[in-house]
């Protein structure tokens, strides 16, 4: 399993997330807003912006976090974040 090594808030409910293997991309976390009591504070965008990297994933001051494998899959399955093959020179 890969761990989150860096995060950077982008806009709205989007963070740019970097994993320890170099895989990275923008992840829209708006689907979690208001999804149960732990994510209720996400409705306040200022709270949402206060995420940190803790325990190998993104987490918030109230203890909310998202499994790193979920984030990794979101990046891997998002065509915008797909790895672009290097151009051949031969």
N, C-alpha and C. Protein backbone atom coordinates (compact mmCIF):
# COMPACT_ATOMS: atom_id res chain seq x y z
N UNK A 1 0.84 -1.18 0.00
CA UNK A 1 0.00 0.00 0.00
C UNK A 1 0.88 1.24 0.00
N UNK A 2 0.45 2.24 -0.73
CA UNK A 2 1.19 3.49 -0.81
C UNK A 2 0.63 4.53 0.16
N UNK A 3 1.51 5.34 0.68
CA UNK A 3 1.13 6.38 1.62
C UNK A 3 1.14 7.74 0.94
N UNK A 4 0.25 8.61 1.40
CA UNK A 4 0.24 10.00 0.97
C UNK A 4 1.47 10.67 1.58
N UNK A 5 2.22 11.38 0.75
CA UNK A 5 3.41 12.08 1.26
C UNK A 5 3.23 13.59 1.27
N UNK A 6 2.37 14.12 0.38
CA UNK A 6 2.14 15.56 0.32
C UNK A 6 0.71 15.84 -0.12
N UNK A 7 0.18 16.96 0.36
CA UNK A 7 -1.11 17.44 -0.12
C UNK A 7 -1.02 18.94 -0.33
N UNK A 8 -1.83 19.43 -1.24
CA UNK A 8 -1.92 20.88 -1.45
C UNK A 8 -3.35 21.21 -1.82
N UNK A 9 -3.96 22.11 -1.05
CA UNK A 9 -5.31 22.53 -1.35
C UNK A 9 -5.31 23.29 -2.67
N UNK A 10 -6.27 22.99 -3.54
CA UNK A 10 -6.37 23.64 -4.84
C UNK A 10 -7.53 24.64 -4.88
N UNK A 11 -8.75 24.12 -4.81
CA UNK A 11 -9.96 24.95 -4.85
C UNK A 11 -11.16 24.10 -4.46
N UNK A 12 -12.25 24.76 -4.12
CA UNK A 12 -13.48 24.07 -3.74
C UNK A 12 -13.16 22.88 -2.84
N UNK A 13 -13.44 21.66 -3.27
CA UNK A 13 -13.17 20.47 -2.46
C UNK A 13 -12.09 19.61 -3.11
N UNK A 14 -11.13 20.25 -3.72
CA UNK A 14 -10.07 19.55 -4.46
C UNK A 14 -8.72 19.75 -3.78
N UNK A 15 -8.04 18.63 -3.58
CA UNK A 15 -6.65 18.62 -3.11
C UNK A 15 -5.79 17.95 -4.17
N UNK A 16 -4.58 18.47 -4.32
CA UNK A 16 -3.57 17.76 -5.12
C UNK A 16 -2.85 16.85 -4.13
N UNK A 17 -2.80 15.57 -4.46
CA UNK A 17 -2.25 14.57 -3.54
C UNK A 17 -1.07 13.87 -4.21
N UNK A 18 0.02 13.74 -3.46
CA UNK A 18 1.22 13.06 -3.94
C UNK A 18 1.47 11.86 -3.04
N UNK A 19 1.71 10.71 -3.68
CA UNK A 19 2.02 9.48 -2.95
C UNK A 19 3.51 9.23 -2.91
N UNK A 20 3.93 8.37 -2.00
CA UNK A 20 5.35 8.08 -1.81
C UNK A 20 6.00 7.42 -3.01
N UNK A 21 5.21 6.88 -3.95
CA UNK A 21 5.79 6.30 -5.16
C UNK A 21 5.81 7.28 -6.33
N UNK A 22 5.41 8.54 -6.07
CA UNK A 22 5.43 9.57 -7.10
C UNK A 22 4.10 9.76 -7.80
N UNK A 23 3.19 8.81 -7.69
CA UNK A 23 1.86 8.98 -8.30
C UNK A 23 1.21 10.19 -7.66
N UNK A 24 0.59 11.05 -8.48
CA UNK A 24 -0.03 12.24 -7.94
C UNK A 24 -1.14 12.71 -8.85
N UNK A 25 -2.00 13.53 -8.30
CA UNK A 25 -3.09 14.09 -9.08
C UNK A 25 -4.07 14.83 -8.20
N UNK A 26 -5.00 15.50 -8.85
CA UNK A 26 -6.05 16.24 -8.16
C UNK A 26 -7.20 15.30 -7.83
N UNK A 27 -7.68 15.41 -6.60
CA UNK A 27 -8.79 14.57 -6.15
C UNK A 27 -9.91 15.46 -5.64
N UNK A 28 -11.09 15.29 -6.21
CA UNK A 28 -12.28 16.01 -5.78
C UNK A 28 -12.94 15.21 -4.67
N UNK A 29 -13.01 15.79 -3.50
CA UNK A 29 -13.55 15.09 -2.33
C UNK A 29 -14.95 15.59 -1.98
N UNK A 30 -15.62 16.26 -2.90
CA UNK A 30 -16.94 16.82 -2.64
C UNK A 30 -17.97 15.74 -2.29
N UNK A 31 -17.75 14.52 -2.72
CA UNK A 31 -18.71 13.44 -2.42
C UNK A 31 -18.80 13.15 -0.92
N UNK A 32 -17.80 13.59 -0.15
CA UNK A 32 -17.80 13.33 1.29
C UNK A 32 -18.52 14.42 2.10
N UNK A 33 -18.79 15.56 1.48
CA UNK A 33 -19.41 16.68 2.20
C UNK A 33 -20.76 16.25 2.75
N UNK A 34 -20.89 16.33 4.08
CA UNK A 34 -22.14 15.98 4.73
C UNK A 34 -22.45 14.49 4.77
N UNK A 35 -21.50 13.65 4.40
CA UNK A 35 -21.72 12.20 4.37
C UNK A 35 -21.43 11.62 5.76
N UNK A 36 -22.41 11.70 6.62
CA UNK A 36 -22.25 11.20 7.98
C UNK A 36 -21.67 12.26 8.89
N UNK A 37 -21.77 12.04 10.18
CA UNK A 37 -21.35 13.04 11.17
C UNK A 37 -19.87 13.42 11.08
N UNK A 38 -19.00 12.47 10.76
CA UNK A 38 -17.56 12.77 10.72
C UNK A 38 -17.21 13.76 9.61
N UNK A 39 -17.98 13.75 8.52
CA UNK A 39 -17.70 14.64 7.40
C UNK A 39 -18.59 15.88 7.40
N UNK A 40 -19.47 16.01 8.37
CA UNK A 40 -20.36 17.18 8.48
C UNK A 40 -19.58 18.50 8.45
N UNK A 41 -18.45 18.60 9.16
CA UNK A 41 -17.70 19.87 9.15
C UNK A 41 -17.17 20.29 7.77
N UNK A 42 -17.12 19.36 6.81
CA UNK A 42 -16.65 19.70 5.46
C UNK A 42 -17.53 20.77 4.81
N UNK A 43 -18.74 20.95 5.32
CA UNK A 43 -19.62 21.97 4.76
C UNK A 43 -19.04 23.36 4.96
N UNK A 44 -18.14 23.51 5.91
CA UNK A 44 -17.41 24.76 6.13
C UNK A 44 -16.09 24.63 5.37
N UNK A 45 -15.96 25.32 4.27
CA UNK A 45 -14.78 25.20 3.41
C UNK A 45 -13.50 25.57 4.16
N UNK A 46 -13.58 26.47 5.11
CA UNK A 46 -12.39 26.84 5.88
C UNK A 46 -11.90 25.65 6.70
N UNK A 47 -12.82 24.87 7.25
CA UNK A 47 -12.44 23.65 7.96
C UNK A 47 -11.80 22.67 6.98
N UNK A 48 -12.43 22.50 5.83
CA UNK A 48 -11.94 21.55 4.81
C UNK A 48 -10.50 21.86 4.42
N UNK A 49 -10.15 23.13 4.36
CA UNK A 49 -8.81 23.55 3.94
C UNK A 49 -7.72 23.19 4.96
N UNK A 50 -8.10 22.77 6.15
CA UNK A 50 -7.12 22.50 7.21
C UNK A 50 -6.70 21.04 7.31
N UNK A 51 -6.68 20.36 6.19
CA UNK A 51 -6.21 18.97 6.17
C UNK A 51 -4.70 18.91 6.34
N UNK A 52 -4.24 17.79 6.86
CA UNK A 52 -2.82 17.52 7.01
C UNK A 52 -2.55 16.08 6.56
N UNK A 53 -1.28 15.77 6.39
CA UNK A 53 -0.88 14.37 6.14
C UNK A 53 -0.59 13.75 7.49
N UNK A 54 -1.29 12.67 7.78
CA UNK A 54 -1.11 12.00 9.06
C UNK A 54 -1.41 10.52 8.87
N UNK A 55 -0.54 9.68 9.36
CA UNK A 55 -0.75 8.24 9.25
C UNK A 55 -0.79 7.74 7.82
N UNK A 56 -0.11 8.44 6.91
CA UNK A 56 -0.04 8.01 5.52
C UNK A 56 -1.22 8.40 4.67
N UNK A 57 -2.07 9.28 5.19
CA UNK A 57 -3.21 9.73 4.40
C UNK A 57 -3.57 11.17 4.74
N UNK A 58 -4.61 11.67 4.11
CA UNK A 58 -5.10 13.02 4.38
C UNK A 58 -6.09 12.93 5.54
N UNK A 59 -5.96 13.86 6.49
CA UNK A 59 -6.86 13.85 7.63
C UNK A 59 -7.16 15.28 8.07
N UNK A 60 -8.20 15.41 8.88
CA UNK A 60 -8.67 16.71 9.35
C UNK A 60 -8.67 16.75 10.86
N UNK A 61 -8.75 17.98 11.44
CA UNK A 61 -8.64 18.13 12.90
C UNK A 61 -9.67 17.35 13.72
N UNK A 62 -10.81 17.01 13.14
CA UNK A 62 -11.83 16.27 13.90
C UNK A 62 -11.64 14.76 13.83
N UNK A 63 -10.55 14.30 13.19
CA UNK A 63 -10.28 12.88 13.09
C UNK A 63 -10.75 12.25 11.80
N UNK A 64 -11.44 13.01 10.96
CA UNK A 64 -11.88 12.48 9.66
C UNK A 64 -10.65 12.20 8.80
N UNK A 65 -10.71 11.11 8.06
CA UNK A 65 -9.66 10.80 7.09
C UNK A 65 -10.25 9.97 5.97
N UNK A 66 -9.49 9.81 4.92
CA UNK A 66 -9.92 9.00 3.78
C UNK A 66 -8.83 7.98 3.52
N UNK A 67 -9.22 6.75 3.36
CA UNK A 67 -8.25 5.67 3.18
C UNK A 67 -7.31 5.98 2.00
N UNK A 68 -6.01 5.78 2.20
CA UNK A 68 -5.06 6.09 1.13
C UNK A 68 -5.31 5.29 -0.14
N UNK A 69 -5.77 4.04 0.00
CA UNK A 69 -6.03 3.24 -1.20
C UNK A 69 -7.21 3.81 -2.01
N UNK A 70 -8.16 4.43 -1.32
CA UNK A 70 -9.27 5.09 -2.01
C UNK A 70 -8.76 6.27 -2.82
N UNK A 71 -7.90 7.07 -2.21
CA UNK A 71 -7.32 8.23 -2.90
C UNK A 71 -6.46 7.79 -4.08
N UNK A 72 -5.67 6.75 -3.87
CA UNK A 72 -4.80 6.23 -4.93
C UNK A 72 -5.63 5.77 -6.12
N UNK A 73 -6.73 5.06 -5.83
CA UNK A 73 -7.61 4.60 -6.90
C UNK A 73 -8.27 5.76 -7.63
N UNK A 74 -8.65 6.81 -6.90
CA UNK A 74 -9.25 7.98 -7.54
C UNK A 74 -8.27 8.61 -8.52
N UNK A 75 -7.01 8.70 -8.14
CA UNK A 75 -6.00 9.27 -9.03
C UNK A 75 -5.76 8.34 -10.21
N UNK A 76 -5.65 7.07 -9.95
CA UNK A 76 -5.36 6.09 -11.01
C UNK A 76 -6.49 5.99 -12.03
N UNK A 77 -7.73 6.15 -11.58
CA UNK A 77 -8.88 5.98 -12.45
C UNK A 77 -9.37 7.27 -13.10
N UNK A 78 -8.72 8.38 -12.80
CA UNK A 78 -9.12 9.67 -13.36
C UNK A 78 -8.30 9.93 -14.62
N UNK A 79 -8.94 10.00 -15.79
CA UNK A 79 -8.20 10.21 -17.04
C UNK A 79 -7.35 11.48 -17.04
N UNK A 80 -7.78 12.49 -16.30
CA UNK A 80 -7.00 13.73 -16.23
C UNK A 80 -5.66 13.47 -15.55
N UNK A 81 -5.64 12.53 -14.62
CA UNK A 81 -4.43 12.21 -13.87
C UNK A 81 -3.63 11.05 -14.45
N UNK A 82 -4.10 10.51 -15.55
CA UNK A 82 -3.42 9.34 -16.13
C UNK A 82 -1.99 9.69 -16.50
N UNK A 83 -1.11 8.74 -16.28
CA UNK A 83 0.28 8.93 -16.65
C UNK A 83 0.37 9.04 -18.17
N UNK A 84 1.06 10.08 -18.62
CA UNK A 84 1.24 10.28 -20.05
C UNK A 84 2.51 9.55 -20.48
N UNK A 85 2.41 8.64 -21.46
CA UNK A 85 3.62 7.92 -21.87
C UNK A 85 4.62 8.88 -22.49
N UNK A 86 5.88 8.60 -22.25
CA UNK A 86 6.94 9.43 -22.82
C UNK A 86 6.98 9.23 -24.33
N UNK A 87 7.31 10.30 -25.03
CA UNK A 87 7.42 10.23 -26.50
C UNK A 87 8.64 9.40 -26.88
N UNK A 88 8.47 8.59 -27.89
CA UNK A 88 9.61 7.79 -28.39
C UNK A 88 10.44 8.65 -29.31
N UNK A 89 11.72 8.42 -29.25
CA UNK A 89 12.63 9.21 -30.10
C UNK A 89 13.30 8.35 -31.16
N UNK A 90 12.93 7.08 -31.27
CA UNK A 90 13.60 6.24 -32.26
C UNK A 90 12.83 6.16 -33.55
